[in-house]
Amino acid sequence: MLQCNNPSLSFQKVHSHILKVCHSFCNLMEKREGHFAEFGLDIVLDEDGYPWIL
């Protein structure tokens, strides 16, 4: 459950930001040499609901 003090922050908005960050990470890794089968990403949200990869 998403709880915060920011009324403009919605689940849909946070979910969209998380997907964008994850897709950007995957695109970056595809440019590297080698094969990466699986990744697990630890993500934290800042007070504005923006996701950061730890």
PDB file of N, CA and C in Angstrom:
ATOM      1  N   MET A   1       0.836  -1.172   0.000  1.00  0.00           N
ATOM      2  CA  MET A   1       0.000   0.000   0.000  1.00  0.00           C
ATOM      3  C   MET A   1       0.886   1.242   0.000  1.00  0.00           C
ATOM      4  N   LEU A   2       0.524   2.189  -0.824  1.00  0.00           N
ATOM      5  CA  LEU A   2       1.267   3.438  -0.938  1.00  0.00           C
ATOM      6  C   LEU A   2       0.635   4.479  -0.033  1.00  0.00           C
ATOM      7  N   GLN A   3       1.433   4.963   0.907  1.00  0.00           N
ATOM      8  CA  GLN A   3       0.956   6.006   1.805  1.00  0.00           C
ATOM      9  C   GLN A   3       1.963   7.141   1.802  1.00  0.00           C
ATOM     10  N   CYS A   4       1.458   8.357   1.711  1.00  0.00           N
ATOM     11  CA  CYS A   4       2.348   9.513   1.752  1.00  0.00           C
ATOM     12  C   CYS A   4       1.545  10.755   2.084  1.00  0.00           C
ATOM     13  N   ASN A   5       2.243  11.837   2.251  1.00  0.00           N
ATOM     14  CA  ASN A   5       1.604  13.109   2.560  1.00  0.00           C
ATOM     15  C   ASN A   5       1.376  13.953   1.309  1.00  0.00           C
ATOM     16  N   ASN A   6       1.688  13.415   0.150  1.00  0.00           N
ATOM     17  CA  ASN A   6       1.559  14.147  -1.097  1.00  0.00           C
ATOM     18  C   ASN A   6       0.252  13.736  -1.791  1.00  0.00           C
ATOM     19  N   PRO A   7      -0.791  14.577  -1.742  1.00  0.00           N
ATOM     20  CA  PRO A   7      -2.087  14.208  -2.317  1.00  0.00           C
ATOM     21  C   PRO A   7      -2.076  14.054  -3.835  1.00  0.00           C
ATOM     22  N   SER A   8      -1.102  14.632  -4.526  1.00  0.00           N
ATOM     23  CA  SER A   8      -1.054  14.517  -5.985  1.00  0.00           C
ATOM     24  C   SER A   8      -0.383  13.220  -6.439  1.00  0.00           C
ATOM     25  N   LEU A   9       0.138  12.466  -5.497  1.00  0.00           N
ATOM     26  CA  LEU A   9       0.837  11.223  -5.806  1.00  0.00           C
ATOM     27  C   LEU A   9      -0.158  10.071  -5.867  1.00  0.00           C
ATOM     28  N   SER A  10      -0.205   9.399  -6.997  1.00  0.00           N
ATOM     29  CA  SER A  10      -1.119   8.277  -7.152  1.00  0.00           C
ATOM     30  C   SER A  10      -0.331   7.005  -7.445  1.00  0.00           C
ATOM     31  N   PHE A  11      -0.979   5.878  -7.225  1.00  0.00           N
ATOM     32  CA  PHE A  11      -0.353   4.595  -7.533  1.00  0.00           C
ATOM     33  C   PHE A  11       0.024   4.541  -9.010  1.00  0.00           C
ATOM     34  N   GLN A  12      -0.863   4.992  -9.875  1.00  0.00           N
ATOM     35  CA  GLN A  12      -0.608   4.938 -11.320  1.00  0.00           C
ATOM     36  C   GLN A  12       0.642   5.732 -11.696  1.00  0.00           C
ATOM     37  N   LYS A  13       0.803   6.885 -11.092  1.00  0.00           N
ATOM     38  CA  LYS A  13       1.964   7.740 -11.370  1.00  0.00           C
ATOM     39  C   LYS A  13       3.255   7.065 -10.898  1.00  0.00           C
ATOM     40  N   VAL A  14       3.234   6.530  -9.685  1.00  0.00           N
ATOM     41  CA  VAL A  14       4.420   5.854  -9.141  1.00  0.00           C
ATOM     42  C   VAL A  14       4.739   4.618  -9.974  1.00  0.00           C
ATOM     43  N   HIS A  15       3.728   3.845 -10.304  1.00  0.00           N
ATOM     44  CA  HIS A  15       3.922   2.628 -11.110  1.00  0.00           C
ATOM     45  C   HIS A  15       4.553   2.979 -12.457  1.00  0.00           C
ATOM     46  N   SER A  16       4.073   4.025 -13.080  1.00  0.00           N
ATOM     47  CA  SER A  16       4.616   4.472 -14.364  1.00  0.00           C
ATOM     48  C   SER A  16       6.083   4.874 -14.238  1.00  0.00           C
ATOM     49  N   HIS A  17       6.436   5.593 -13.171  1.00  0.00           N
ATOM     50  CA  HIS A  17       7.833   5.994 -12.951  1.00  0.00           C
ATOM     51  C   HIS A  17       8.726   4.775 -12.719  1.00  0.00           C
ATOM     52  N   ILE A  18       8.233   3.812 -11.956  1.00  0.00           N
ATOM     53  CA  ILE A  18       9.018   2.600 -11.695  1.00  0.00           C
ATOM     54  C   ILE A  18       9.279   1.851 -12.997  1.00  0.00           C
ATOM     55  N   LEU A  19       8.260   1.690 -13.832  1.00  0.00           N
ATOM     56  CA  LEU A  19       8.440   1.010 -15.116  1.00  0.00           C
ATOM     57  C   LEU A  19       9.441   1.742 -15.996  1.00  0.00           C
ATOM     58  N   LYS A  20       9.385   3.061 -15.996  1.00  0.00           N
ATOM     59  CA  LYS A  20      10.315   3.857 -16.804  1.00  0.00           C
ATOM     60  C   LYS A  20      11.760   3.640 -16.342  1.00  0.00           C
ATOM     61  N   VAL A  21      11.983   3.663 -15.038  1.00  0.00           N
ATOM     62  CA  VAL A  21      13.327   3.447 -14.501  1.00  0.00           C
ATOM     63  C   VAL A  21      13.828   2.041 -14.840  1.00  0.00           C
ATOM     64  N   CYS A  22      12.970   1.042 -14.675  1.00  0.00           N
ATOM     65  CA  CYS A  22      13.365  -0.338 -14.966  1.00  0.00           C
ATOM     66  C   CYS A  22      13.666  -0.543 -16.451  1.00  0.00           C
ATOM     67  N   HIS A  23      12.837   0.035 -17.328  1.00  0.00           N
ATOM     68  CA  HIS A  23      13.092  -0.074 -18.768  1.00  0.00           C
ATOM     69  C   HIS A  23      14.395   0.619 -19.152  1.00  0.00           C
ATOM     70  N   SER A  24      14.658   1.757 -18.545  1.00  0.00           N
ATOM     71  CA  SER A  24      15.917   2.460 -18.825  1.00  0.00           C
ATOM     72  C   SER A  24      17.115   1.618 -18.411  1.00  0.00           C
ATOM     73  N   PHE A  25      17.002   0.977 -17.242  1.00  0.00           N
ATOM     74  CA  PHE A  25      18.080   0.109 -16.774  1.00  0.00           C
ATOM     75  C   PHE A  25      18.296  -1.052 -17.739  1.00  0.00           C
ATOM     76  N   CYS A  26      17.211  -1.692 -18.162  1.00  0.00           N
ATOM     77  CA  CYS A  26      17.324  -2.827 -19.086  1.00  0.00           C
ATOM     78  C   CYS A  26      17.933  -2.398 -20.418  1.00  0.00           C
ATOM     79  N   ASN A  27      17.527  -1.254 -20.933  1.00  0.00           N
ATOM     80  CA  ASN A  27      18.104  -0.757 -22.186  1.00  0.00           C
ATOM     81  C   ASN A  27      19.592  -0.495 -22.043  1.00  0.00           C
ATOM     82  N   LEU A  28      19.999   0.039 -20.902  1.00  0.00           N
ATOM     83  CA  LEU A  28      21.418   0.269 -20.638  1.00  0.00           C
ATOM     84  C   LEU A  28      22.201  -1.045 -20.621  1.00  0.00           C
ATOM     85  N   MET A  29      21.652  -2.055 -19.953  1.00  0.00           N
ATOM     86  CA  MET A  29      22.346  -3.332 -19.831  1.00  0.00           C
ATOM     87  C   MET A  29      22.426  -4.067 -21.166  1.00  0.00           C
ATOM     88  N   GLU A  30      21.448  -3.869 -22.045  1.00  0.00           N
ATOM     89  CA  GLU A  30      21.478  -4.517 -23.359  1.00  0.00           C
ATOM     90  C   GLU A  30      22.623  -3.999 -24.219  1.00  0.00           C
ATOM     91  N   LYS A  31      23.107  -2.815 -23.938  1.00  0.00           N
ATOM     92  CA  LYS A  31      24.202  -2.227 -24.711  1.00  0.00           C
ATOM     93  C   LYS A  31      25.564  -2.771 -24.283  1.00  0.00           C
ATOM     94  N   ARG A  32      25.610  -3.431 -23.138  1.00  0.00           N
ATOM     95  CA  ARG A  32      26.874  -3.960 -22.613  1.00  0.00           C
ATOM     96  C   ARG A  32      27.149  -5.327 -23.211  1.00  0.00           C
ATOM     97  N   GLU A  33      28.424  -5.683 -23.274  1.00  0.00           N
ATOM     98  CA  GLU A  33      28.785  -7.018 -23.732  1.00  0.00           C
ATOM     99  C   GLU A  33      28.491  -8.028 -22.650  1.00  0.00           C
ATOM    100  N   GLY A  34      28.259  -9.243 -23.065  1.00  0.00           N
ATOM    101  CA  GLY A  34      27.969 -10.297 -22.112  1.00  0.00           C
ATOM    102  C   GLY A  34      26.481 -10.587 -22.081  1.00  0.00           C
ATOM    103  N   HIS A  35      26.161 -11.651 -21.402  1.00  0.00           N
ATOM    104  CA  HIS A  35      24.761 -12.060 -21.312  1.00  0.00           C
ATOM    105  C   HIS A  35      24.287 -11.922 -19.875  1.00  0.00           C
ATOM    106  N   PHE A  36      23.202 -11.240 -19.699  1.00  0.00           N
ATOM    107  CA  PHE A  36      22.612 -11.059 -18.381  1.00  0.00           C
ATOM    108  C   PHE A  36      21.214 -11.665 -18.427  1.00  0.00           C
ATOM    109  N   ALA A  37      21.045 -12.814 -17.785  1.00  0.00           N
ATOM    110  CA  ALA A  37      19.769 -13.523 -17.859  1.00  0.00           C
ATOM    111  C   ALA A  37      18.718 -12.911 -16.944  1.00  0.00           C
ATOM    112  N   GLU A  38      19.115 -12.577 -15.736  1.00  0.00           N
ATOM    113  CA  GLU A  38      18.137 -12.068 -14.776  1.00  0.00           C
ATOM    114  C   GLU A  38      18.741 -10.979 -13.911  1.00  0.00           C
ATOM    115  N   PHE A  39      17.896 -10.053 -13.520  1.00  0.00           N
ATOM    116  CA  PHE A  39      18.281  -9.013 -12.577  1.00  0.00           C
ATOM    117  C   PHE A  39      17.179  -8.862 -11.548  1.00  0.00           C
ATOM    118  N   GLY A  40      17.567  -8.514 -10.371  1.00  0.00           N
ATOM    119  CA  GLY A  40      16.616  -8.102  -9.350  1.00  0.00           C
ATOM    120  C   GLY A  40      16.978  -6.678  -8.980  1.00  0.00           C
ATOM    121  N   LEU A  41      16.012  -5.800  -9.009  1.00  0.00           N
ATOM    122  CA  LEU A  41      16.280  -4.402  -8.708  1.00  0.00           C
ATOM    123  C   LEU A  41      15.631  -4.024  -7.388  1.00  0.00           C
ATOM    124  N   ASP A  42      16.402  -3.409  -6.522  1.00  0.00           N
ATOM    125  CA  ASP A  42      15.867  -2.848  -5.282  1.00  0.00           C
ATOM    126  C   ASP A  42      15.555  -1.387  -5.556  1.00  0.00           C
ATOM    127  N   ILE A  43      14.315  -1.013  -5.319  1.00  0.00           N
ATOM    128  CA  ILE A  43      13.864   0.330  -5.641  1.00  0.00           C
ATOM    129  C   ILE A  43      13.296   0.979  -4.384  1.00  0.00           C
ATOM    130  N   VAL A  44      13.654   2.240  -4.194  1.00  0.00           N
ATOM    131  CA  VAL A  44      13.121   3.019  -3.084  1.00  0.00           C
ATOM    132  C   VAL A  44      12.457   4.261  -3.680  1.00  0.00           C
ATOM    133  N   LEU A  45      11.403   4.740  -3.036  1.00  0.00           N
ATOM    134  CA  LEU A  45      10.730   5.953  -3.484  1.00  0.00           C
ATOM    135  C   LEU A  45      11.153   7.125  -2.606  1.00  0.00           C
ATOM    136  N   ASP A  46      11.451   8.261  -3.249  1.00  0.00           N
ATOM    137  CA  ASP A  46      11.740   9.445  -2.449  1.00  0.00           C
ATOM    138  C   ASP A  46      10.416  10.089  -2.028  1.00  0.00           C
ATOM    139  N   GLU A  47      10.485  11.198  -1.330  1.00  0.00           N
ATOM    140  CA  GLU A  47       9.266  11.807  -0.783  1.00  0.00           C
ATOM    141  C   GLU A  47       8.323  12.331  -1.862  1.00  0.00           C
ATOM    142  N   ASP A  48       8.826  12.488  -3.085  1.00  0.00           N
ATOM    143  CA  ASP A  48       7.974  12.915  -4.194  1.00  0.00           C
ATOM    144  C   ASP A  48       7.425  11.731  -4.985  1.00  0.00           C
ATOM    145  N   GLY A  49       7.753  10.511  -4.543  1.00  0.00           N
ATOM    146  CA  GLY A  49       7.275   9.323  -5.225  1.00  0.00           C
ATOM    147  C   GLY A  49       8.126   8.896  -6.401  1.00  0.00           C
ATOM    148  N   TYR A  50       9.292   9.539  -6.578  1.00  0.00           N
ATOM    149  CA  TYR A  50      10.168   9.171  -7.680  1.00  0.00           C
ATOM    150  C   TYR A  50      11.007   7.951  -7.276  1.00  0.00           C
ATOM    151  N   PRO A  51      11.062   6.913  -8.122  1.00  0.00           N
ATOM    152  CA  PRO A  51      11.820   5.710  -7.782  1.00  0.00           C
ATOM    153  C   PRO A  51      13.316   5.866  -8.051  1.00  0.00           C
ATOM    154  N   TRP A  52      14.105   5.262  -7.184  1.00  0.00           N
ATOM    155  CA  TRP A  52      15.559   5.226  -7.326  1.00  0.00           C
ATOM    156  C   TRP A  52      16.023   3.787  -7.170  1.00  0.00           C
ATOM    157  N   ILE A  53      16.945   3.366  -8.025  1.00  0.00           N
ATOM    158  CA  ILE A  53      17.539   2.037  -7.890  1.00  0.00           C
ATOM    159  C   ILE A  53      18.631   2.127  -6.834  1.00  0.00           C
ATOM    160  N   LEU A  54      18.578   1.211  -5.881  1.00  0.00           N
ATOM    161  CA  LEU A  54      19.591   1.205  -4.822  1.00  0.00           C
ATOM    162  C   LEU A  54      20.848   0.515  -5.283  1.00  0.00           C
TER     163      LEU A  54
END
